[in-house]
Amino acid sequence: MPQDNQEIPPATMVAENNPGVAKTKDAEDTTKSKDETKESTTDDERVTFHCKLCGLHERVHYLGRDPPFVYGLEFCEPTYIMRDPFQPPIPKWKSKPEYFIAIGAYCIRCNEMVCKDNACSFYFKNTYCLTCTKIVANTFPMDIQVKLKKQLSMVH
């Protein structure tokens, strides 16, 4: 977070004020929507994730649907993804798929970042934070409502 006396490049300000916009490294870059992607190559370029419910704060490698380091898989929604920190890095000359962790996504209803933990989100066609899930639960099919009630009973 910049100090009060530091100047903030315009693209960075847009990214900080809008959770649907990925941060760009250069102020001259154009901003990216949630449907576009952001992959980082260094720690300085990582995308920041912060769950609104549990406060999980993590710097991830990618925000989007089709991470270049995961082969044969495309996510249904923009997802915060990081390489598995417990696996050694794959040499660049090998085209071997890497292990990854899907950290979180945006709630389809309130557009807030939520992690994939059962205490924070529920997935049915899209990710919902548990706050919104409770509001729209009666619109889900009955078998999904049963699963949701079981998840909610385990959380509380």
C-alpha atoms as a PDB file:
ATOM      1  CA  MET A   1       0.000   0.000   0.000  1.00  0.00           C
ATOM      2  CA  PRO A   2       1.549   3.351  -0.985  1.00  0.00           C
ATOM      3  CA  GLN A   3       2.199   6.023   1.601  1.00  0.00           C
ATOM      4  CA  ASP A   4       0.131   9.226   1.541  1.00  0.00           C
ATOM      5  CA  ASN A   5       2.975  11.204   0.018  1.00  0.00           C
ATOM      6  CA  GLN A   6       3.743   8.725  -2.804  1.00  0.00           C
ATOM      7  CA  GLU A   7       2.377   9.266  -6.285  1.00  0.00           C
ATOM      8  CA  ILE A   8       0.225   6.404  -7.600  1.00  0.00           C
ATOM      9  CA  PRO A   9       0.193   5.634 -11.347  1.00  0.00           C
ATOM     10  CA  PRO A  10      -3.354   5.919 -12.788  1.00  0.00           C
ATOM     11  CA  ALA A  11      -3.632   2.235 -13.816  1.00  0.00           C
ATOM     12  CA  THR A  12      -2.722   1.140 -10.282  1.00  0.00           C
ATOM     13  CA  MET A  13      -5.383   3.403  -8.755  1.00  0.00           C
ATOM     14  CA  VAL A  14      -8.033   1.929 -11.060  1.00  0.00           C
ATOM     15  CA  ALA A  15      -6.974  -1.600 -10.102  1.00  0.00           C
ATOM     16  CA  GLU A  16      -7.061  -0.894  -6.370  1.00  0.00           C
ATOM     17  CA  ASN A  17     -10.507   0.700  -6.501  1.00  0.00           C
ATOM     18  CA  ASN A  18     -12.131  -1.971  -8.678  1.00  0.00           C
ATOM     19  CA  PRO A  19     -11.860  -5.644  -7.702  1.00  0.00           C
ATOM     20  CA  GLY A  20     -12.775  -6.609 -11.278  1.00  0.00           C
ATOM     21  CA  VAL A  21      -9.634  -5.038 -12.726  1.00  0.00           C
ATOM     22  CA  ALA A  22      -6.268  -6.779 -12.590  1.00  0.00           C
ATOM     23  CA  LYS A  23      -3.244  -4.705 -11.606  1.00  0.00           C
ATOM     24  CA  THR A  24      -0.883  -3.760 -14.362  1.00  0.00           C
ATOM     25  CA  LYS A  25       2.851  -3.346 -13.961  1.00  0.00           C
ATOM     26  CA  ASP A  26       3.088  -0.185 -16.067  1.00  0.00           C
ATOM     27  CA  ALA A  27       0.839   2.864 -15.795  1.00  0.00           C
ATOM     28  CA  GLU A  28       0.651   3.008 -19.600  1.00  0.00           C
ATOM     29  CA  ASP A  29      -0.826  -0.503 -19.825  1.00  0.00           C
ATOM     30  CA  THR A  30      -4.549  -0.793 -20.326  1.00  0.00           C
ATOM     31  CA  THR A  31      -6.622  -2.220 -17.502  1.00  0.00           C
ATOM     32  CA  LYS A  32      -7.977  -5.742 -17.781  1.00  0.00           C
ATOM     33  CA  SER A  33     -11.484  -6.898 -17.054  1.00  0.00           C
ATOM     34  CA  LYS A  34     -12.342 -10.043 -15.064  1.00  0.00           C
ATOM     35  CA  ASP A  35     -12.813 -11.959 -18.325  1.00  0.00           C
ATOM     36  CA  GLU A  36      -9.238 -11.231 -19.348  1.00  0.00           C
ATOM     37  CA  THR A  37      -6.252 -12.761 -17.655  1.00  0.00           C
ATOM     38  CA  LYS A  38      -3.192 -11.782 -15.661  1.00  0.00           C
ATOM     39  CA  GLU A  39      -0.178 -14.042 -15.283  1.00  0.00           C
ATOM     40  CA  SER A  40       2.847 -13.013 -13.299  1.00  0.00           C
ATOM     41  CA  THR A  41       6.405 -14.101 -13.804  1.00  0.00           C
ATOM     42  CA  THR A  42       8.012 -12.520 -10.746  1.00  0.00           C
ATOM     43  CA  ASP A  43       6.974 -11.904  -7.159  1.00  0.00           C
ATOM     44  CA  ASP A  44       6.586  -8.176  -7.911  1.00  0.00           C
ATOM     45  CA  GLU A  45       3.957  -8.910 -10.558  1.00  0.00           C
ATOM     46  CA  ARG A  46       1.824 -11.328  -8.577  1.00  0.00           C
ATOM     47  CA  VAL A  47      -1.886 -10.647  -8.323  1.00  0.00           C
ATOM     48  CA  THR A  48      -3.201  -9.994  -4.813  1.00  0.00           C
ATOM     49  CA  PHE A  49      -6.134 -12.009  -3.469  1.00  0.00           C
ATOM     50  CA  HIS A  50      -8.046 -11.109  -0.286  1.00  0.00           C
ATOM     51  CA  CYS A  51     -11.100 -13.065   0.898  1.00  0.00           C
ATOM     52  CA  LYS A  52     -13.826 -10.753   2.174  1.00  0.00           C
ATOM     53  CA  LEU A  53     -15.148 -13.321   4.681  1.00  0.00           C
ATOM     54  CA  CYS A  54     -12.140 -14.970   6.352  1.00  0.00           C
ATOM     55  CA  GLY A  55      -9.472 -12.402   5.512  1.00  0.00           C
ATOM     56  CA  LEU A  56      -7.158 -14.822   3.680  1.00  0.00           C
ATOM     57  CA  HIS A  57      -4.554 -12.652   1.969  1.00  0.00           C
ATOM     58  CA  GLU A  58      -2.316 -14.230  -0.657  1.00  0.00           C
ATOM     59  CA  ARG A  59      -0.276 -13.218  -3.680  1.00  0.00           C
ATOM     60  CA  VAL A  60      -1.166 -15.579  -6.525  1.00  0.00           C
ATOM     61  CA  HIS A  61       0.391 -16.285  -9.899  1.00  0.00           C
ATOM     62  CA  TYR A  62      -2.682 -15.939 -12.104  1.00  0.00           C
ATOM     63  CA  LEU A  63      -6.197 -14.541 -12.345  1.00  0.00           C
ATOM     64  CA  GLY A  64      -8.283 -15.864 -15.209  1.00  0.00           C
ATOM     65  CA  ARG A  65      -9.823 -18.924 -16.815  1.00  0.00           C
ATOM     66  CA  ASP A  66      -6.942 -20.586 -18.682  1.00  0.00           C
ATOM     67  CA  PRO A  67      -3.648 -20.553 -16.768  1.00  0.00           C
ATOM     68  CA  PRO A  68      -0.664 -21.216 -19.041  1.00  0.00           C
ATOM     69  CA  PHE A  69       1.004 -23.450 -16.456  1.00  0.00           C
ATOM     70  CA  VAL A  70      -2.035 -25.779 -16.171  1.00  0.00           C
ATOM     71  CA  TYR A  71      -2.567 -27.982 -19.218  1.00  0.00           C
ATOM     72  CA  GLY A  72      -5.901 -29.368 -20.374  1.00  0.00           C
ATOM     73  CA  LEU A  73      -8.074 -27.410 -17.956  1.00  0.00           C
ATOM     74  CA  GLU A  74     -10.094 -24.242 -18.375  1.00  0.00           C
ATOM     75  CA  PHE A  75     -12.035 -22.744 -15.468  1.00  0.00           C
ATOM     76  CA  CYS A  76     -15.684 -21.712 -15.890  1.00  0.00           C
ATOM     77  CA  GLU A  77     -15.074 -18.346 -14.233  1.00  0.00           C
ATOM     78  CA  PRO A  78     -12.103 -16.073 -13.558  1.00  0.00           C
ATOM     79  CA  THR A  79     -10.226 -17.786 -10.732  1.00  0.00           C
ATOM     80  CA  TYR A  80      -7.266 -16.832  -8.554  1.00  0.00           C
ATOM     81  CA  ILE A  81      -4.676 -19.569  -9.088  1.00  0.00           C
ATOM     82  CA  MET A  82      -1.217 -20.153  -7.697  1.00  0.00           C
ATOM     83  CA  ARG A  83       1.437 -22.687  -8.485  1.00  0.00           C
ATOM     84  CA  ASP A  84       1.747 -25.333  -5.785  1.00  0.00           C
ATOM     85  CA  PRO A  85       4.389 -23.973  -3.405  1.00  0.00           C
ATOM     86  CA  PHE A  86       5.289 -27.507  -2.266  1.00  0.00           C
ATOM     87  CA  GLN A  87       6.358 -28.663  -5.742  1.00  0.00           C
ATOM     88  CA  PRO A  88       9.754 -27.821  -7.270  1.00  0.00           C
ATOM     89  CA  PRO A  89       9.638 -25.453 -10.246  1.00  0.00           C
ATOM     90  CA  ILE A  90       9.391 -27.138 -13.633  1.00  0.00           C
ATOM     91  CA  PRO A  91      12.293 -26.312 -16.000  1.00  0.00           C
ATOM     92  CA  LYS A  92      11.154 -23.966 -18.779  1.00  0.00           C
ATOM     93  CA  TRP A  93      12.251 -26.398 -21.509  1.00  0.00           C
ATOM     94  CA  LYS A  94       9.890 -29.121 -20.250  1.00  0.00           C
ATOM     95  CA  SER A  95       6.221 -28.929 -21.196  1.00  0.00           C
ATOM     96  CA  LYS A  96       5.080 -30.833 -18.134  1.00  0.00           C
ATOM     97  CA  PRO A  97       1.881 -29.697 -16.383  1.00  0.00           C
ATOM     98  CA  GLU A  98       2.380 -28.041 -13.027  1.00  0.00           C
ATOM     99  CA  TYR A  99       0.416 -28.604  -9.861  1.00  0.00           C
ATOM    100  CA  PHE A 100      -1.740 -25.695  -8.838  1.00  0.00           C
ATOM    101  CA  ILE A 101      -4.079 -24.438  -6.131  1.00  0.00           C
ATOM    102  CA  ALA A 102      -7.314 -22.602  -6.944  1.00  0.00           C
ATOM    103  CA  ILE A 103      -7.455 -20.032  -4.142  1.00  0.00           C
ATOM    104  CA  GLY A 104     -10.692 -18.186  -4.857  1.00  0.00           C
ATOM    105  CA  ALA A 105     -13.001 -16.336  -7.236  1.00  0.00           C
ATOM    106  CA  TYR A 106     -15.513 -13.506  -7.335  1.00  0.00           C
ATOM    107  CA  CYS A 107     -19.018 -14.017  -5.928  1.00  0.00           C
ATOM    108  CA  ILE A 108     -21.364 -13.965  -8.916  1.00  0.00           C
ATOM    109  CA  ARG A 109     -23.947 -11.965  -6.964  1.00  0.00           C
ATOM    110  CA  CYS A 110     -22.022  -9.309  -4.975  1.00  0.00           C
ATOM    111  CA  ASN A 111     -18.737  -9.385  -6.967  1.00  0.00           C
ATOM    112  CA  GLU A 112     -16.597  -9.712  -3.818  1.00  0.00           C
ATOM    113  CA  MET A 113     -13.493 -11.920  -3.653  1.00  0.00           C
ATOM    114  CA  VAL A 114     -14.069 -15.131  -1.679  1.00  0.00           C
ATOM    115  CA  CYS A 115     -11.786 -18.096  -1.102  1.00  0.00           C
ATOM    116  CA  LYS A 116     -12.756 -21.661  -1.961  1.00  0.00           C
ATOM    117  CA  ASP A 117     -13.027 -22.709   1.692  1.00  0.00           C
ATOM    118  CA  ASN A 118     -16.389 -24.239   2.684  1.00  0.00           C
ATOM    119  CA  ALA A 119     -16.771 -21.589   5.381  1.00  0.00           C
ATOM    120  CA  CYS A 120     -16.579 -18.790   2.795  1.00  0.00           C
ATOM    121  CA  SER A 121     -18.091 -19.924  -0.497  1.00  0.00           C
ATOM    122  CA  PHE A 122     -20.374 -22.356  -2.269  1.00  0.00           C
ATOM    123  CA  TYR A 123     -20.049 -23.390  -5.906  1.00  0.00           C
ATOM    124  CA  PHE A 124     -23.054 -24.146  -8.103  1.00  0.00           C
ATOM    125  CA  LYS A 125     -22.438 -23.145 -11.739  1.00  0.00           C
ATOM    126  CA  ASN A 126     -20.660 -20.091 -10.293  1.00  0.00           C
ATOM    127  CA  THR A 127     -19.058 -19.153  -6.990  1.00  0.00           C
ATOM    128  CA  TYR A 128     -21.273 -17.565  -4.327  1.00  0.00           C
ATOM    129  CA  CYS A 129     -20.110 -16.146  -1.015  1.00  0.00           C
ATOM    130  CA  LEU A 130     -22.008 -17.758   1.877  1.00  0.00           C
ATOM    131  CA  THR A 131     -23.797 -14.478   2.603  1.00  0.00           C
ATOM    132  CA  CYS A 132     -25.286 -14.415  -0.904  1.00  0.00           C
ATOM    133  CA  THR A 133     -25.793 -18.186  -0.893  1.00  0.00           C
ATOM    134  CA  LYS A 134     -28.163 -17.893   2.052  1.00  0.00           C
ATOM    135  CA  ILE A 135     -30.162 -15.251   0.177  1.00  0.00           C
ATOM    136  CA  VAL A 136     -30.530 -17.226  -3.077  1.00  0.00           C
ATOM    137  CA  ALA A 137     -30.507 -20.781  -1.675  1.00  0.00           C
ATOM    138  CA  ASN A 138     -34.190 -21.359  -2.418  1.00  0.00           C
ATOM    139  CA  THR A 139     -33.541 -20.811  -6.163  1.00  0.00           C
ATOM    140  CA  PHE A 140     -31.164 -23.806  -6.357  1.00  0.00           C
ATOM    141  CA  PRO A 141     -32.438 -27.298  -7.277  1.00  0.00           C
ATOM    142  CA  MET A 142     -33.485 -29.445  -4.304  1.00  0.00           C
ATOM    143  CA  ASP A 143     -30.446 -31.759  -4.411  1.00  0.00           C
ATOM    144  CA  ILE A 144     -28.142 -28.728  -4.375  1.00  0.00           C
ATOM    145  CA  GLN A 145     -30.106 -27.229  -1.467  1.00  0.00           C
ATOM    146  CA  VAL A 146     -29.538 -30.451   0.492  1.00  0.00           C
ATOM    147  CA  LYS A 147     -25.773 -30.235  -0.130  1.00  0.00           C
ATOM    148  CA  LEU A 148     -25.809 -26.562   0.838  1.00  0.00           C
ATOM    149  CA  LYS A 149     -27.660 -27.254   4.108  1.00  0.00           C
ATOM    150  CA  LYS A 150     -25.105 -29.955   4.932  1.00  0.00           C
ATOM    151  CA  GLN A 151     -22.220 -27.551   4.212  1.00  0.00           C
ATOM    152  CA  LEU A 152     -23.815 -24.776   6.295  1.00  0.00           C
ATOM    153  CA  SER A 153     -24.424 -27.166   9.219  1.00  0.00           C
ATOM    154  CA  MET A 154     -20.746 -28.179   9.184  1.00  0.00           C
ATOM    155  CA  VAL A 155     -19.603 -24.532   9.150  1.00  0.00           C
ATOM    156  CA  HIS A 156     -21.626 -23.472  12.190  1.00  0.00           C
END
